[in-house]
Amino acid sequence: MTVSINEISASPGFGHDLPAHTLRDMLRYMMLARALDERMWVLNRAGKAPFVISCQGHEAAQVGAAFALSRGKDFILPYYRGLAMVLVMGMTPTEVMLGLFARATDPSSGGRQMPAHYGCRRLKIVTQSSPVGTQIAHAAGIGLAEKIKGGDAVAWVSFGEGTTSQGDFHEALNLAAVHRLPVIFQCENNEYAISVHQRQQMAVASVADRGVAYGIPGISVDGTDVLAVYEVTRRAVERARRGDGPTLIEARVVRMTAHSSDDNDRTYRPPHEITLVRHQDPIVRFVAQLREHGILSEAEEQAMRAEVAAIVDQATEEAERAPMPEPETLYDHVYAPPRPRR
């Protein structure tokens, strides 16, 4: 079953019952993720951060999904663009920056993993591996464990459309579908696997079309519309908790930057396309929606932006002052500690 959801039409609350303060919180998280991301690029260009892989243009897809999940209960396995998701689920801006600067107190890896490999045990954020797509199979495994335990937590996992050509994606969907596991597979489709366009990656028009091959719903949604993603994910969560199995969601997003700080997208993206993407900014879109419905004034927007800027400044300063890992900890978590002989 492939379903396409393009818009959530508005009336009070845009066709749902989210209160105004929740809508403003959604926007605040989107702005925070964008501001942190932009600061990372500045730090990279200044030689202070080794690598940046951006979430710009993906914020609505992640914030919408996160607000449909239960923080502290559900598991998330984000891919490297998952900055907005991990912020909503409880990771602080300072913790994010600790990872960027590879500091000892980085919760993801203690400064040992490359940036944007988010993980935090207390928040049930499971880190990915650098090989693309491994987290998808891990999510299916977590879903299986949850079903065996008799719990009702959901495992949510994200990845790009290029990853759906990897075996991990297909094996995980098959396992989850056969055993009706509580897993939500979110593909954030920005049409580029590094420099390779979607039309050179797959013969189907939509990643959501791949759901039917495994007997699960495949839903394609406008990933620049935070409320549309929220609604689709909310339904998928309800389905998973009922024991009805997994859902494949394709959130159609835009990649507003190069693939990473090591990439030059001007070599493969025509100028008019880069300009068009800038006009599809999910934050600009959501601000306009909230303004239209009297939920956000211009003064409130400016105050929110100032608050976010101050938070980013503080997080940067705190992380940059934090201590580096001690040399004697180099082999921690690499080898299992020796067991005492009996």
Protein backbone atom coordinates (compact mmCIF):
# COMPACT_ATOMS: atom_id res chain seq x y z
CA MET A 1 0.00 0.00 0.00
CA THR A 2 1.51 3.29 -1.09
CA VAL A 3 -0.14 6.46 0.18
CA SER A 4 0.83 10.00 -0.74
CA ILE A 5 0.13 12.79 1.72
CA ASN A 6 1.02 16.20 0.34
CA GLU A 7 -0.61 18.63 2.72
CA ILE A 8 -2.30 18.79 6.10
CA SER A 9 -4.98 21.39 5.50
CA ALA A 10 -5.43 24.06 8.10
CA SER A 11 -8.29 25.14 10.26
CA PRO A 12 -7.72 25.77 13.99
CA GLY A 13 -4.56 23.77 14.66
CA PHE A 14 -4.04 22.94 10.94
CA GLY A 15 -6.37 19.97 11.06
CA HIS A 16 -5.04 18.48 14.31
CA ASP A 17 -5.29 19.17 18.00
CA LEU A 18 -1.77 20.35 18.82
CA PRO A 19 -1.86 23.39 21.11
CA ALA A 20 -0.20 26.66 20.11
CA HIS A 21 2.69 26.26 22.55
CA THR A 22 3.55 22.88 21.02
CA LEU A 23 3.58 24.39 17.53
CA ARG A 24 5.93 27.11 18.74
CA ASP A 25 8.14 24.45 20.38
CA MET A 26 8.35 22.66 17.04
CA LEU A 27 9.53 25.84 15.39
CA ARG A 28 12.04 26.51 18.18
CA TYR A 29 13.63 23.09 17.69
CA MET A 30 13.79 23.60 13.94
CA MET A 31 15.48 26.96 14.44
CA LEU A 32 17.88 25.53 17.02
CA ALA A 33 18.95 22.71 14.72
CA ARG A 34 19.50 25.19 11.88
CA ALA A 35 21.51 27.59 14.05
CA LEU A 36 23.70 24.80 15.45
CA ASP A 37 24.26 23.47 11.95
CA GLU A 38 25.25 26.89 10.63
CA ARG A 39 27.66 27.35 13.54
CA MET A 40 29.27 24.00 12.75
CA TRP A 41 30.01 25.17 9.23
CA VAL A 42 31.65 28.33 10.57
CA LEU A 43 33.78 26.29 12.96
CA ASN A 44 34.76 23.92 10.18
CA ARG A 45 35.83 26.74 7.88
CA ALA A 46 37.79 28.26 10.78
CA GLY A 47 39.69 25.00 11.19
CA LYS A 48 38.16 24.17 14.57
CA ALA A 49 35.89 21.29 13.52
CA PRO A 50 37.00 18.43 11.26
CA PHE A 51 33.79 17.57 9.45
CA VAL A 52 30.18 18.72 9.05
CA ILE A 53 27.31 16.82 7.47
CA SER A 54 24.27 19.02 7.44
CA CYS A 55 20.62 18.70 8.42
CA GLN A 56 19.61 21.93 6.66
CA GLY A 57 16.35 21.27 4.83
CA HIS A 58 15.63 18.12 6.85
CA GLU A 59 14.50 19.84 10.06
CA ALA A 60 10.74 19.55 9.51
CA ALA A 61 10.90 15.83 8.74
CA GLN A 62 12.79 15.14 11.95
CA VAL A 63 10.94 17.47 14.31
CA GLY A 64 7.56 16.29 13.03
CA ALA A 65 8.54 12.66 13.60
CA ALA A 66 10.09 13.32 17.01
CA PHE A 67 6.97 15.00 18.37
CA ALA A 68 4.97 11.87 17.53
CA LEU A 69 7.32 9.64 19.54
CA SER A 70 7.52 9.16 23.29
CA ARG A 71 10.73 10.58 24.74
CA GLY A 72 12.46 8.23 27.16
CA LYS A 73 10.39 5.28 26.00
CA ASP A 74 10.90 4.86 22.27
CA PHE A 75 14.26 4.07 20.66
CA ILE A 76 15.67 6.21 17.88
CA LEU A 77 18.45 5.27 15.49
CA PRO A 78 19.16 8.44 13.52
CA TYR A 79 21.51 8.70 10.59
CA TYR A 80 24.15 11.38 10.28
CA ARG A 81 21.72 14.17 9.35
CA GLY A 82 19.64 13.56 12.50
CA LEU A 83 20.57 16.70 14.44
CA ALA A 84 17.02 18.04 14.86
CA MET A 85 15.74 14.61 15.93
CA VAL A 86 18.30 14.14 18.70
CA LEU A 87 17.70 17.65 20.03
CA VAL A 88 13.97 17.01 20.41
CA MET A 89 14.63 13.65 22.07
CA GLY A 90 16.74 15.31 24.75
CA MET A 91 20.34 15.75 23.62
CA THR A 92 21.53 19.23 24.59
CA PRO A 93 23.25 21.67 22.22
CA THR A 94 26.36 21.46 24.41
CA GLU A 95 26.40 17.66 24.06
CA VAL A 96 26.14 18.02 20.30
CA MET A 97 29.06 20.43 20.26
CA LEU A 98 31.12 18.16 22.52
CA GLY A 99 30.89 15.57 19.75
CA LEU A 100 31.90 18.10 17.10
CA PHE A 101 34.99 19.11 19.10
CA ALA A 102 35.78 15.46 20.07
CA ARG A 103 35.82 16.18 23.79
CA ALA A 104 36.07 13.60 26.55
CA THR A 105 32.53 14.19 27.83
CA ASP A 106 30.90 13.73 24.41
CA PRO A 107 27.98 11.35 25.21
CA SER A 108 28.06 9.72 21.78
CA SER A 109 31.54 8.25 21.94
CA GLY A 110 33.74 10.16 24.37
CA GLY A 111 35.30 11.99 21.45
CA ARG A 112 36.26 8.83 19.56
CA GLN A 113 33.74 8.80 16.73
CA MET A 114 33.52 11.25 13.84
CA PRO A 115 30.94 14.06 14.23
CA ALA A 116 27.21 13.43 13.63
CA HIS A 117 27.28 9.83 14.86
CA TYR A 118 24.77 10.56 17.61
CA GLY A 119 24.25 8.23 20.54
CA CYS A 120 23.10 8.54 24.14
CA ARG A 121 22.20 5.57 26.33
CA ARG A 122 20.05 7.55 28.78
CA LEU A 123 17.92 8.92 25.92
CA LYS A 124 17.68 5.61 24.00
CA ILE A 125 19.53 7.12 21.05
CA VAL A 126 21.46 4.32 19.35
CA THR A 127 24.49 5.36 17.35
CA GLN A 128 25.05 4.35 13.76
CA SER A 129 28.20 2.89 12.31
CA SER A 130 30.09 4.70 9.57
CA PRO A 131 29.18 2.02 6.96
CA VAL A 132 25.91 3.29 5.51
CA GLY A 133 22.67 1.61 6.57
CA THR A 134 23.75 -0.60 9.45
CA GLN A 135 21.40 1.18 11.84
CA ILE A 136 18.37 -0.07 9.88
CA ALA A 137 19.06 -3.69 10.76
CA HIS A 138 19.77 -2.66 14.34
CA ALA A 139 16.32 -1.04 14.51
CA ALA A 140 14.67 -4.26 13.39
CA GLY A 141 16.62 -6.11 16.08
CA ILE A 142 15.46 -3.68 18.74
CA GLY A 143 11.89 -4.09 17.52
CA LEU A 144 12.23 -7.86 17.80
CA ALA A 145 13.61 -7.59 21.33
CA GLU A 146 10.74 -5.30 22.33
CA LYS A 147 8.20 -7.76 20.95
CA ILE A 148 9.82 -10.67 22.79
CA LYS A 149 9.72 -8.68 26.05
CA GLY A 150 6.08 -7.82 25.52
CA GLY A 151 6.64 -4.07 25.64
CA ASP A 152 5.13 -1.38 23.46
CA ALA A 153 8.13 0.84 22.71
CA VAL A 154 8.74 1.75 19.08
CA ALA A 155 12.07 1.77 17.24
CA TRP A 156 12.36 4.69 14.81
CA VAL A 157 15.20 4.73 12.30
CA SER A 158 16.23 7.21 9.60
CA PHE A 159 18.35 7.02 6.47
CA GLY A 160 18.73 8.61 3.05
CA GLU A 161 17.23 7.32 -0.18
CA GLY A 162 20.62 6.13 -1.42
CA THR A 163 20.75 3.74 1.52
CA THR A 164 17.63 1.96 0.28
CA SER A 165 19.85 0.35 -2.36
CA GLN A 166 21.85 -1.33 0.42
CA GLY A 167 21.13 -4.87 1.54
CA ASP A 168 20.71 -3.75 5.16
CA PHE A 169 17.56 -1.82 4.21
CA HIS A 170 15.89 -4.77 2.47
CA GLU A 171 16.85 -7.34 5.08
CA ALA A 172 15.57 -5.14 7.90
CA LEU A 173 12.25 -4.43 6.19
CA ASN A 174 11.75 -8.11 5.47
CA LEU A 175 12.47 -9.14 9.06
CA ALA A 176 10.24 -6.41 10.50
CA ALA A 177 7.40 -7.21 8.12
CA VAL A 178 7.46 -10.99 8.66
CA HIS A 179 7.43 -10.64 12.44
CA ARG A 180 5.19 -7.52 12.55
CA LEU A 181 7.77 -5.60 14.54
CA PRO A 182 7.18 -2.12 16.04
CA VAL A 183 9.58 -0.29 13.73
CA ILE A 184 9.16 2.96 11.79
CA PHE A 185 11.51 3.29 8.84
CA GLN A 186 11.90 6.95 7.83
CA CYS A 187 13.67 7.63 4.57
CA GLU A 188 14.64 11.30 4.27
CA ASN A 189 14.74 11.59 0.51
CA ASN A 190 16.69 14.67 -0.63
CA GLU A 191 17.21 13.13 -4.09
CA TYR A 192 20.99 12.93 -3.80
CA ALA A 193 23.22 10.13 -2.53
CA ILE A 194 26.26 12.38 -2.24
CA SER A 195 26.41 13.45 -5.91
CA VAL A 196 24.21 10.76 -7.48
CA HIS A 197 20.63 11.77 -8.26
CA GLN A 198 17.74 9.48 -7.38
CA ARG A 199 16.96 8.71 -11.03
CA GLN A 200 20.37 7.01 -11.25
CA GLN A 201 19.81 5.05 -8.03
CA MET A 202 16.45 3.34 -8.50
CA ALA A 203 13.88 2.54 -11.16
CA VAL A 204 10.86 3.30 -8.95
CA ALA A 205 9.58 6.86 -8.62
CA SER A 206 9.24 6.75 -4.84
CA VAL A 207 10.98 4.95 -2.00
CA ALA A 208 7.52 4.42 -0.49
CA ASP A 209 6.74 2.09 -3.42
CA ARG A 210 9.20 -0.38 -1.93
CA GLY A 211 6.98 -1.00 1.09
CA VAL A 212 4.45 -3.08 -0.85
CA ALA A 213 7.11 -5.65 -1.75
CA TYR A 214 7.32 -6.51 1.95
CA GLY A 215 3.62 -6.29 2.69
CA ILE A 216 3.81 -3.09 4.76
CA PRO A 217 2.41 0.42 4.23
CA GLY A 218 4.61 2.78 2.24
CA ILE A 219 3.75 6.43 2.76
CA SER A 220 5.23 9.37 0.86
CA VAL A 221 4.89 12.73 2.62
CA ASP A 222 6.09 16.26 2.06
CA GLY A 223 9.07 16.35 4.41
CA THR A 224 9.23 20.15 4.38
CA ASP A 225 5.84 20.23 6.14
CA VAL A 226 6.45 19.51 9.83
CA LEU A 227 2.76 18.95 10.57
CA ALA A 228 2.26 16.52 7.71
CA VAL A 229 5.21 14.44 8.95
CA TYR A 230 3.89 14.59 12.50
CA GLU A 231 0.50 13.26 11.42
CA VAL A 232 1.92 10.43 9.32
CA THR A 233 4.31 9.39 12.09
CA ARG A 234 1.61 9.58 14.74
CA ARG A 235 -0.46 7.06 12.78
CA ALA A 236 2.57 4.82 12.27
CA VAL A 237 3.30 4.89 16.01
CA GLU A 238 -0.28 3.91 16.81
CA ARG A 239 -0.06 1.07 14.31
CA ALA A 240 3.21 -0.18 15.80
CA ARG A 241 1.96 -0.05 19.40
CA ARG A 242 -1.17 -2.01 18.42
CA GLY A 243 1.05 -4.80 17.15
CA ASP A 244 0.16 -4.22 13.50
CA GLY A 245 3.78 -4.00 12.40
CA PRO A 246 6.15 -1.59 10.70
CA THR A 247 5.64 1.38 8.39
CA LEU A 248 7.92 2.79 5.70
CA ILE A 249 7.74 6.59 5.50
CA GLU A 250 9.37 8.54 2.71
CA ALA A 251 9.78 12.17 3.77
CA ARG A 252 10.57 14.19 0.66
CA VAL A 253 13.02 16.83 1.85
CA VAL A 254 15.55 19.23 0.34
CA ARG A 255 19.28 19.27 0.90
CA MET A 256 20.15 22.94 1.27
CA THR A 257 23.91 22.43 1.48
CA ALA A 258 26.57 20.30 -0.13
CA HIS A 259 26.61 16.66 0.96
CA SER A 260 29.22 17.52 3.58
CA SER A 261 31.98 20.00 4.32
CA ASP A 262 34.23 17.91 2.05
CA ASP A 263 31.89 18.19 -0.95
CA ASN A 264 31.33 20.84 -3.63
CA ASP A 265 27.79 20.39 -4.92
CA ARG A 266 28.27 23.09 -7.57
CA THR A 267 30.08 20.48 -9.63
CA TYR A 268 26.92 18.38 -10.08
CA ARG A 269 23.93 20.59 -9.18
CA PRO A 270 22.92 23.29 -11.66
CA PRO A 271 22.70 26.84 -10.22
CA HIS A 272 18.95 27.11 -10.76
CA GLU A 273 18.40 23.97 -8.67
CA ILE A 274 20.39 25.34 -5.74
CA THR A 275 18.36 28.55 -5.94
CA LEU A 276 15.08 26.61 -6.06
CA VAL A 277 16.02 24.58 -2.98
CA ARG A 278 16.52 27.80 -1.02
CA HIS A 279 12.90 28.69 -1.77
CA GLN A 280 11.73 25.41 -0.19
CA ASP A 281 13.13 26.14 3.27
CA PRO A 282 10.93 24.27 5.81
CA ILE A 283 11.55 26.89 8.52
CA VAL A 284 10.37 29.75 6.31
CA ARG A 285 7.33 27.68 5.41
CA PHE A 286 6.39 26.91 9.03
CA VAL A 287 6.89 30.50 10.15
CA ALA A 288 4.48 31.59 7.41
CA GLN A 289 1.91 29.01 8.53
CA LEU A 290 2.09 30.10 12.15
CA ARG A 291 1.85 33.75 11.19
CA GLU A 292 -1.16 33.07 8.98
CA HIS A 293 -3.02 31.44 11.87
CA GLY A 294 -2.10 34.06 14.47
CA ILE A 295 0.10 31.68 16.45
CA LEU A 296 3.37 33.58 16.05
CA SER A 297 3.93 37.31 15.95
CA GLU A 298 6.95 38.99 14.39
CA ALA A 299 8.16 40.01 17.86
CA GLU A 300 7.84 36.41 19.11
CA GLU A 301 9.79 35.14 16.12
CA GLN A 302 12.62 37.61 16.68
CA ALA A 303 12.73 36.77 20.40
CA MET A 304 12.90 33.06 19.54
CA ARG A 305 15.78 33.63 17.13
CA ALA A 306 17.66 35.66 19.74
CA GLU A 307 17.11 32.93 22.35
CA VAL A 308 18.40 30.27 19.96
CA ALA A 309 21.47 32.34 19.05
CA ALA A 310 22.36 32.72 22.73
CA ILE A 311 21.97 28.98 23.31
CA VAL A 312 24.29 28.20 20.39
CA ASP A 313 26.89 30.69 21.63
CA GLN A 314 26.85 29.17 25.11
CA ALA A 315 27.01 25.59 23.80
CA THR A 316 29.97 26.43 21.59
CA GLU A 317 31.88 28.12 24.39
CA GLU A 318 31.22 25.32 26.90
CA ALA A 319 32.22 22.57 24.47
CA GLU A 320 35.35 24.32 23.29
CA ARG A 321 36.52 24.73 26.91
CA ALA A 322 35.83 21.08 27.75
CA PRO A 323 38.84 18.76 28.25
CA MET A 324 40.18 16.49 25.53
CA PRO A 325 40.22 12.71 26.16
CA GLU A 326 43.24 11.55 28.14
CA PRO A 327 45.80 9.51 26.12
CA GLU A 328 45.55 6.57 28.53
CA THR A 329 41.89 6.11 27.56
CA LEU A 330 42.83 5.41 23.93
CA TYR A 331 41.88 1.73 24.09
CA ASP A 332 38.75 2.11 26.22
CA HIS A 333 35.73 0.43 24.60
CA VAL A 334 37.92 -1.02 21.84
CA TYR A 335 38.73 -4.32 23.56
CA ALA A 336 36.66 -6.07 26.20
CA PRO A 337 38.28 -5.86 29.64
CA PRO A 338 40.09 -9.10 30.61
CA ARG A 339 38.12 -11.45 32.80
CA PRO A 340 39.78 -12.51 36.04
CA ARG A 341 41.03 -16.06 36.00
CA ARG A 342 39.36 -18.47 38.38
